[in-house]
Amino acid sequence: MEDVIVKIISLQEEINQDIDELVDLKTEMVQVIKAVENTEFQTILEKRYLCFMSWEQIAVDLGYNVRHLYRLHEEALEKVVVP
């Protein structure tokens, strides 16, 4: 029984470390997106990479067709500066 408890505690610690890493990664993603000067590009990147919206959902939200959205996304990625 003691081994099981030790294993559970170990797994909980591992999960907490993973959560911390994910929070740090999300914070970094927000900073990278906010560093893009064009607010339209920021919106597209946020909806896609932080809100996990589909291309179709983003296109409807912004009033674009998907093909145009792909072009804007490509331009947005060119403006991203990775630290």
PDB file of N, CA and C in Angstrom:
ATOM      1  N   MET A   1       0.817  -1.196   0.000  1.00  0.00           N
ATOM      2  CA  MET A   1       0.000   0.000   0.000  1.00  0.00           C
ATOM      3  C   MET A   1       0.862   1.262   0.000  1.00  0.00           C
ATOM      4  N   GLU A   2       1.937   1.211   0.752  1.00  0.00           N
ATOM      5  CA  GLU A   2       2.836   2.358   0.825  1.00  0.00           C
ATOM      6  C   GLU A   2       3.435   2.679  -0.543  1.00  0.00           C
ATOM      7  N   ASP A   3       3.788   1.638  -1.305  1.00  0.00           N
ATOM      8  CA  ASP A   3       4.346   1.839  -2.641  1.00  0.00           C
ATOM      9  C   ASP A   3       3.346   2.540  -3.557  1.00  0.00           C
ATOM     10  N   VAL A   4       2.096   2.194  -3.426  1.00  0.00           N
ATOM     11  CA  VAL A   4       1.051   2.802  -4.243  1.00  0.00           C
ATOM     12  C   VAL A   4       0.927   4.292  -3.915  1.00  0.00           C
ATOM     13  N   ILE A   5       0.958   4.627  -2.650  1.00  0.00           N
ATOM     14  CA  ILE A   5       0.854   6.027  -2.227  1.00  0.00           C
ATOM     15  C   ILE A   5       2.052   6.830  -2.743  1.00  0.00           C
ATOM     16  N   VAL A   6       3.233   6.253  -2.643  1.00  0.00           N
ATOM     17  CA  VAL A   6       4.439   6.912  -3.136  1.00  0.00           C
ATOM     18  C   VAL A   6       4.327   7.135  -4.643  1.00  0.00           C
ATOM     19  N   LYS A   7       3.832   6.149  -5.349  1.00  0.00           N
ATOM     20  CA  LYS A   7       3.655   6.251  -6.802  1.00  0.00           C
ATOM     21  C   LYS A   7       2.645   7.349  -7.151  1.00  0.00           C
ATOM     22  N   ILE A   8       1.553   7.420  -6.425  1.00  0.00           N
ATOM     23  CA  ILE A   8       0.525   8.446  -6.656  1.00  0.00           C
ATOM     24  C   ILE A   8       1.108   9.837  -6.423  1.00  0.00           C
ATOM     25  N   ILE A   9       1.834  10.005  -5.358  1.00  0.00           N
ATOM     26  CA  ILE A   9       2.448  11.301  -5.054  1.00  0.00           C
ATOM     27  C   ILE A   9       3.441  11.686  -6.142  1.00  0.00           C
ATOM     28  N   SER A  10       4.209  10.728  -6.587  1.00  0.00           N
ATOM     29  CA  SER A  10       5.179  10.973  -7.652  1.00  0.00           C
ATOM     30  C   SER A  10       4.472  11.409  -8.940  1.00  0.00           C
ATOM     31  N   LEU A  11       3.399  10.734  -9.276  1.00  0.00           N
ATOM     32  CA  LEU A  11       2.642  11.085 -10.486  1.00  0.00           C
ATOM     33  C   LEU A  11       1.997  12.462 -10.356  1.00  0.00           C
ATOM     34  N   GLN A  12       1.516  12.792  -9.173  1.00  0.00           N
ATOM     35  CA  GLN A  12       0.929  14.112  -8.958  1.00  0.00           C
ATOM     36  C   GLN A  12       1.977  15.208  -9.156  1.00  0.00           C
ATOM     37  N   GLU A  13       3.175  14.974  -8.653  1.00  0.00           N
ATOM     38  CA  GLU A  13       4.259  15.935  -8.829  1.00  0.00           C
ATOM     39  C   GLU A  13       4.614  16.083 -10.305  1.00  0.00           C
ATOM     40  N   GLU A  14       4.650  14.974 -11.011  1.00  0.00           N
ATOM     41  CA  GLU A  14       4.951  14.999 -12.445  1.00  0.00           C
ATOM     42  C   GLU A  14       3.871  15.774 -13.209  1.00  0.00           C
ATOM     43  N   ILE A  15       2.623  15.549 -12.864  1.00  0.00           N
ATOM     44  CA  ILE A  15       1.506  16.264 -13.496  1.00  0.00           C
ATOM     45  C   ILE A  15       1.615  17.757 -13.219  1.00  0.00           C
ATOM     46  N   ASN A  16       1.934  18.120 -11.976  1.00  0.00           N
ATOM     47  CA  ASN A  16       2.079  19.534 -11.626  1.00  0.00           C
ATOM     48  C   ASN A  16       3.220  20.187 -12.401  1.00  0.00           C
ATOM     49  N   GLN A  17       4.311  19.469 -12.597  1.00  0.00           N
ATOM     50  CA  GLN A  17       5.426  19.994 -13.392  1.00  0.00           C
ATOM     51  C   GLN A  17       5.004  20.192 -14.839  1.00  0.00           C
ATOM     52  N   ASP A  18       4.266  19.231 -15.379  1.00  0.00           N
ATOM     53  CA  ASP A  18       3.775  19.346 -16.753  1.00  0.00           C
ATOM     54  C   ASP A  18       2.840  20.545 -16.900  1.00  0.00           C
ATOM     55  N   ILE A  19       1.974  20.742 -15.934  1.00  0.00           N
ATOM     56  CA  ILE A  19       1.054  21.881 -15.961  1.00  0.00           C
ATOM     57  C   ILE A  19       1.841  23.188 -15.922  1.00  0.00           C
ATOM     58  N   ASP A  20       2.843  23.265 -15.062  1.00  0.00           N
ATOM     59  CA  ASP A  20       3.683  24.464 -14.985  1.00  0.00           C
ATOM     60  C   ASP A  20       4.360  24.752 -16.322  1.00  0.00           C
ATOM     61  N   GLU A  21       4.869  23.721 -16.968  1.00  0.00           N
ATOM     62  CA  GLU A  21       5.513  23.890 -18.267  1.00  0.00           C
ATOM     63  C   GLU A  21       4.516  24.382 -19.309  1.00  0.00           C
ATOM     64  N   LEU A  22       3.305  23.841 -19.295  1.00  0.00           N
ATOM     65  CA  LEU A  22       2.284  24.267 -20.249  1.00  0.00           C
ATOM     66  C   LEU A  22       1.863  25.719 -20.017  1.00  0.00           C
ATOM     67  N   VAL A  23       1.743  26.107 -18.765  1.00  0.00           N
ATOM     68  CA  VAL A  23       1.403  27.497 -18.452  1.00  0.00           C
ATOM     69  C   VAL A  23       2.514  28.427 -18.941  1.00  0.00           C
ATOM     70  N   ASP A  24       3.761  28.037 -18.713  1.00  0.00           N
ATOM     71  CA  ASP A  24       4.890  28.837 -19.188  1.00  0.00           C
ATOM     72  C   ASP A  24       4.887  28.936 -20.713  1.00  0.00           C
ATOM     73  N   LEU A  25       4.597  27.839 -21.371  1.00  0.00           N
ATOM     74  CA  LEU A  25       4.546  27.830 -22.832  1.00  0.00           C
ATOM     75  C   LEU A  25       3.431  28.737 -23.344  1.00  0.00           C
ATOM     76  N   LYS A  26       2.274  28.680 -22.722  1.00  0.00           N
ATOM     77  CA  LYS A  26       1.166  29.536 -23.138  1.00  0.00           C
ATOM     78  C   LYS A  26       1.518  31.005 -22.925  1.00  0.00           C
ATOM     79  N   THR A  27       2.158  31.321 -21.813  1.00  0.00           N
ATOM     80  CA  THR A  27       2.583  32.690 -21.549  1.00  0.00           C
ATOM     81  C   THR A  27       3.544  33.175 -22.630  1.00  0.00           C
ATOM     82  N   GLU A  28       4.464  32.316 -23.009  1.00  0.00           N
ATOM     83  CA  GLU A  28       5.413  32.657 -24.071  1.00  0.00           C
ATOM     84  C   GLU A  28       4.687  32.867 -25.401  1.00  0.00           C
ATOM     85  N   MET A  29       3.706  32.018 -25.690  1.00  0.00           N
ATOM     86  CA  MET A  29       2.932  32.161 -26.930  1.00  0.00           C
ATOM     87  C   MET A  29       2.187  33.492 -26.949  1.00  0.00           C
ATOM     88  N   VAL A  30       1.599  33.874 -25.831  1.00  0.00           N
ATOM     89  CA  VAL A  30       0.886  35.155 -25.745  1.00  0.00           C
ATOM     90  C   VAL A  30       1.862  36.300 -26.005  1.00  0.00           C
ATOM     91  N   GLN A  31       3.036  36.249 -25.425  1.00  0.00           N
ATOM     92  CA  GLN A  31       4.030  37.303 -25.617  1.00  0.00           C
ATOM     93  C   GLN A  31       4.466  37.394 -27.079  1.00  0.00           C
ATOM     94  N   VAL A  32       4.671  36.248 -27.706  1.00  0.00           N
ATOM     95  CA  VAL A  32       5.087  36.231 -29.110  1.00  0.00           C
ATOM     96  C   VAL A  32       3.990  36.819 -29.988  1.00  0.00           C
ATOM     97  N   ILE A  33       2.747  36.438 -29.729  1.00  0.00           N
ATOM     98  CA  ILE A  33       1.627  36.949 -30.529  1.00  0.00           C
ATOM     99  C   ILE A  33       1.457  38.447 -30.314  1.00  0.00           C
ATOM    100  N   LYS A  34       1.554  38.897 -29.069  1.00  0.00           N
ATOM    101  CA  LYS A  34       1.394  40.326 -28.774  1.00  0.00           C
ATOM    102  C   LYS A  34       2.518  41.170 -29.370  1.00  0.00           C
ATOM    103  N   ALA A  35       3.655  40.560 -29.660  1.00  0.00           N
ATOM    104  CA  ALA A  35       4.772  41.287 -30.263  1.00  0.00           C
ATOM    105  C   ALA A  35       4.529  41.583 -31.743  1.00  0.00           C
ATOM    106  N   VAL A  36       3.563  40.911 -32.351  1.00  0.00           N
ATOM    107  CA  VAL A  36       3.205  41.192 -33.741  1.00  0.00           C
ATOM    108  C   VAL A  36       2.449  42.518 -33.739  1.00  0.00           C
ATOM    109  N   GLU A  37       2.903  43.465 -34.547  1.00  0.00           N
ATOM    110  CA  GLU A  37       2.340  44.816 -34.487  1.00  0.00           C
ATOM    111  C   GLU A  37       0.922  44.903 -35.047  1.00  0.00           C
ATOM    112  N   ASN A  38       0.598  44.140 -36.037  1.00  0.00           N
ATOM    113  CA  ASN A  38      -0.704  44.204 -36.693  1.00  0.00           C
ATOM    114  C   ASN A  38      -1.756  43.498 -35.830  1.00  0.00           C
ATOM    115  N   THR A  39      -2.765  44.256 -35.382  1.00  0.00           N
ATOM    116  CA  THR A  39      -3.769  43.675 -34.492  1.00  0.00           C
ATOM    117  C   THR A  39      -4.637  42.632 -35.190  1.00  0.00           C
ATOM    118  N   GLU A  40      -4.832  42.783 -36.479  1.00  0.00           N
ATOM    119  CA  GLU A  40      -5.588  41.768 -37.219  1.00  0.00           C
ATOM    120  C   GLU A  40      -4.829  40.437 -37.216  1.00  0.00           C
ATOM    121  N   PHE A  41      -3.537  40.503 -37.423  1.00  0.00           N
ATOM    122  CA  PHE A  41      -2.705  39.302 -37.369  1.00  0.00           C
ATOM    123  C   PHE A  41      -2.731  38.692 -35.964  1.00  0.00           C
ATOM    124  N   GLN A  42      -2.655  39.554 -34.951  1.00  0.00           N
ATOM    125  CA  GLN A  42      -2.725  39.071 -33.569  1.00  0.00           C
ATOM    126  C   GLN A  42      -4.021  38.297 -33.334  1.00  0.00           C
ATOM    127  N   THR A  43      -5.113  38.848 -33.806  1.00  0.00           N
ATOM    128  CA  THR A  43      -6.418  38.204 -33.622  1.00  0.00           C
ATOM    129  C   THR A  43      -6.452  36.837 -34.275  1.00  0.00           C
ATOM    130  N   ILE A  44      -5.951  36.749 -35.482  1.00  0.00           N
ATOM    131  CA  ILE A  44      -5.935  35.466 -36.198  1.00  0.00           C
ATOM    132  C   ILE A  44      -5.089  34.454 -35.434  1.00  0.00           C
ATOM    133  N   LEU A  45      -3.904  34.857 -34.995  1.00  0.00           N
ATOM    134  CA  LEU A  45      -3.011  33.951 -34.273  1.00  0.00           C
ATOM    135  C   LEU A  45      -3.607  33.533 -32.930  1.00  0.00           C
ATOM    136  N   GLU A  46      -4.239  34.466 -32.232  1.00  0.00           N
ATOM    137  CA  GLU A  46      -4.870  34.139 -30.952  1.00  0.00           C
ATOM    138  C   GLU A  46      -5.997  33.130 -31.127  1.00  0.00           C
ATOM    139  N   LYS A  47      -6.854  33.390 -32.103  1.00  0.00           N
ATOM    140  CA  LYS A  47      -7.990  32.494 -32.318  1.00  0.00           C
ATOM    141  C   LYS A  47      -7.522  31.093 -32.701  1.00  0.00           C
ATOM    142  N   ARG A  48      -6.462  31.022 -33.487  1.00  0.00           N
ATOM    143  CA  ARG A  48      -5.980  29.717 -33.948  1.00  0.00           C
ATOM    144  C   ARG A  48      -5.175  28.982 -32.872  1.00  0.00           C
ATOM    145  N   TYR A  49      -4.225  29.667 -32.261  1.00  0.00           N
ATOM    146  CA  TYR A  49      -3.259  28.976 -31.396  1.00  0.00           C
ATOM    147  C   TYR A  49      -3.558  29.061 -29.900  1.00  0.00           C
ATOM    148  N   LEU A  50      -4.402  29.996 -29.490  1.00  0.00           N
ATOM    149  CA  LEU A  50      -4.759  30.076 -28.078  1.00  0.00           C
ATOM    150  C   LEU A  50      -6.188  29.607 -27.822  1.00  0.00           C
ATOM    151  N   CYS A  51      -7.063  29.862 -28.784  1.00  0.00           N
ATOM    152  CA  CYS A  51      -8.465  29.449 -28.629  1.00  0.00           C
ATOM    153  C   CYS A  51      -8.762  28.143 -29.366  1.00  0.00           C
ATOM    154  N   PHE A  52      -7.815  27.684 -30.177  1.00  0.00           N
ATOM    155  CA  PHE A  52      -7.927  26.412 -30.899  1.00  0.00           C
ATOM    156  C   PHE A  52      -9.146  26.365 -31.817  1.00  0.00           C
ATOM    157  N   MET A  53      -9.452  27.509 -32.434  1.00  0.00           N
ATOM    158  CA  MET A  53     -10.590  27.574 -33.351  1.00  0.00           C
ATOM    159  C   MET A  53     -10.191  27.003 -34.711  1.00  0.00           C
ATOM    160  N   SER A  54     -11.150  26.448 -35.407  1.00  0.00           N
ATOM    161  CA  SER A  54     -10.895  25.943 -36.755  1.00  0.00           C
ATOM    162  C   SER A  54     -10.777  27.122 -37.716  1.00  0.00           C
ATOM    163  N   TRP A  55     -10.189  26.865 -38.883  1.00  0.00           N
ATOM    164  CA  TRP A  55     -10.070  27.915 -39.897  1.00  0.00           C
ATOM    165  C   TRP A  55     -11.446  28.435 -40.290  1.00  0.00           C
ATOM    166  N   GLU A  56     -12.388  27.531 -40.397  1.00  0.00           N
ATOM    167  CA  GLU A  56     -13.736  27.918 -40.789  1.00  0.00           C
ATOM    168  C   GLU A  56     -14.375  28.825 -39.735  1.00  0.00           C
ATOM    169  N   GLN A  57     -14.190  28.493 -38.455  1.00  0.00           N
ATOM    170  CA  GLN A  57     -14.743  29.326 -37.380  1.00  0.00           C
ATOM    171  C   GLN A  57     -14.128  30.725 -37.390  1.00  0.00           C
ATOM    172  N   ILE A  58     -12.830  30.777 -37.575  1.00  0.00           N
ATOM    173  CA  ILE A  58     -12.141  32.068 -37.599  1.00  0.00           C
ATOM    174  C   ILE A  58     -12.625  32.886 -38.785  1.00  0.00           C
ATOM    175  N   ALA A  59     -12.748  32.261 -39.944  1.00  0.00           N
ATOM    176  CA  ALA A  59     -13.202  32.963 -41.145  1.00  0.00           C
ATOM    177  C   ALA A  59     -14.587  33.564 -40.924  1.00  0.00           C
ATOM    178  N   VAL A  60     -15.485  32.797 -40.344  1.00  0.00           N
ATOM    179  CA  VAL A  60     -16.840  33.301 -40.081  1.00  0.00           C
ATOM    180  C   VAL A  60     -16.777  34.454 -39.085  1.00  0.00           C
ATOM    181  N   ASP A  61     -16.006  34.294 -38.003  1.00  0.00           N
ATOM    182  CA  ASP A  61     -15.875  35.343 -36.986  1.00  0.00           C
ATOM    183  C   ASP A  61     -15.389  36.664 -37.581  1.00  0.00           C
ATOM    184  N   LEU A  62     -14.427  36.553 -38.478  1.00  0.00           N
ATOM    185  CA  LEU A  62     -13.799  37.759 -39.020  1.00  0.00           C
ATOM    186  C   LEU A  62     -14.413  38.213 -40.340  1.00  0.00           C
ATOM    187  N   GLY A  63     -15.314  37.423 -40.879  1.00  0.00           N
ATOM    188  CA  GLY A  63     -15.972  37.800 -42.126  1.00  0.00           C
ATOM    189  C   GLY A  63     -15.109  37.618 -43.369  1.00  0.00           C
ATOM    190  N   TYR A  64     -14.216  36.645 -43.338  1.00  0.00           N
ATOM    191  CA  TYR A  64     -13.342  36.357 -44.476  1.00  0.00           C
ATOM    192  C   TYR A  64     -13.687  34.997 -45.055  1.00  0.00           C
ATOM    193  N   ASN A  65     -13.279  34.781 -46.311  1.00  0.00           N
ATOM    194  CA  ASN A  65     -13.344  33.405 -46.788  1.00  0.00           C
ATOM    195  C   ASN A  65     -12.060  32.707 -46.342  1.00  0.00           C
ATOM    196  N   VAL A  66     -12.092  31.413 -46.318  1.00  0.00           N
ATOM    197  CA  VAL A  66     -10.981  30.640 -45.751  1.00  0.00           C
ATOM    198  C   VAL A  66      -9.690  30.868 -46.524  1.00  0.00           C
ATOM    199  N   ARG A  67      -9.779  30.960 -47.822  1.00  0.00           N
ATOM    200  CA  ARG A  67      -8.575  31.161 -48.645  1.00  0.00           C
ATOM    201  C   ARG A  67      -7.884  32.473 -48.262  1.00  0.00           C
ATOM    202  N   HIS A  68      -8.667  33.534 -48.092  1.00  0.00           N
ATOM    203  CA  HIS A  68      -8.092  34.822 -47.697  1.00  0.00           C
ATOM    204  C   HIS A  68      -7.490  34.722 -46.296  1.00  0.00           C
ATOM    205  N   LEU A  69      -8.167  34.013 -45.425  1.00  0.00           N
ATOM    206  CA  LEU A  69      -7.660  33.822 -44.068  1.00  0.00           C
ATOM    207  C   LEU A  69      -6.311  33.104 -44.085  1.00  0.00           C
ATOM    208  N   TYR A  70      -6.163  32.097 -44.937  1.00  0.00           N
ATOM    209  CA  TYR A  70      -4.875  31.404 -45.062  1.00  0.00           C
ATOM    210  C   TYR A  70      -3.774  32.382 -45.466  1.00  0.00           C
ATOM    211  N   ARG A  71      -4.083  33.279 -46.404  1.00  0.00           N
ATOM    212  CA  ARG A  71      -3.081  34.262 -46.840  1.00  0.00           C
ATOM    213  C   ARG A  71      -2.691  35.184 -45.684  1.00  0.00           C
ATOM    214  N   LEU A  72      -3.713  35.659 -44.953  1.00  0.00           N
ATOM    215  CA  LEU A  72      -3.425  36.525 -43.814  1.00  0.00           C
ATOM    216  C   LEU A  72      -2.615  35.791 -42.750  1.00  0.00           C
ATOM    217  N   HIS A  73      -2.947  34.533 -42.520  1.00  0.00           N
ATOM    218  CA  HIS A  73      -2.209  33.727 -41.543  1.00  0.00           C
ATOM    219  C   HIS A  73      -0.752  33.597 -41.955  1.00  0.00           C
ATOM    220  N   GLU A  74      -0.522  33.345 -43.233  1.00  0.00           N
ATOM    221  CA  GLU A  74       0.852  33.235 -43.738  1.00  0.00           C
ATOM    222  C   GLU A  74       1.612  34.540 -43.501  1.00  0.00           C
ATOM    223  N   GLU A  75       0.980  35.667 -43.781  1.00  0.00           N
ATOM    224  CA  GLU A  75       1.605  36.967 -43.533  1.00  0.00           C
ATOM    225  C   GLU A  75       1.875  37.160 -42.042  1.00  0.00           C
ATOM    226  N   ALA A  76       0.922  36.758 -41.215  1.00  0.00           N
ATOM    227  CA  ALA A  76       1.081  36.894 -39.768  1.00  0.00           C
ATOM    228  C   ALA A  76       2.283  36.089 -39.284  1.00  0.00           C
ATOM    229  N   LEU A  77       2.426  34.872 -39.786  1.00  0.00           N
ATOM    230  CA  LEU A  77       3.555  34.043 -39.366  1.00  0.00           C
ATOM    231  C   LEU A  77       4.889  34.661 -39.762  1.00  0.00           C
ATOM    232  N   GLU A  78       4.904  35.377 -40.878  1.00  0.00           N
ATOM    233  CA  GLU A  78       6.144  36.039 -41.303  1.00  0.00           C
ATOM    234  C   GLU A  78       6.531  37.160 -40.330  1.00  0.00           C
ATOM    235  N   LYS A  79       5.554  37.703 -39.611  1.00  0.00           N
ATOM    236  CA  LYS A  79       5.816  38.805 -38.669  1.00  0.00           C
ATOM    237  C   LYS A  79       6.208  38.295 -37.268  1.00  0.00           C
ATOM    238  N   VAL A  80       6.041  37.015 -37.040  1.00  0.00           N
ATOM    239  CA  VAL A  80       6.358  36.444 -35.729  1.00  0.00           C
ATOM    240  C   VAL A  80       7.867  36.369 -35.539  1.00  0.00           C
ATOM    241  N   VAL A  81       8.305  36.841 -34.393  1.00  0.00           N
ATOM    242  CA  VAL A  81       9.720  36.758 -34.025  1.00  0.00           C
ATOM    243  C   VAL A  81       9.809  35.811 -32.830  1.00  0.00           C
ATOM    244  N   VAL A  82      10.487  34.698 -33.028  1.00  0.00           N
ATOM    245  CA  VAL A  82      10.632  33.706 -31.958  1.00  0.00           C
ATOM    246  C   VAL A  82      11.866  34.052 -31.138  1.00  0.00           C
ATOM    247  N   PRO A  83      11.694  34.126 -29.806  1.00  0.00           N
ATOM    248  CA  PRO A  83      12.847  34.490 -28.955  1.00  0.00           C
ATOM    249  C   PRO A  83      13.923  33.438 -28.955  1.00  0.00           C
TER     250      PRO A  83
END
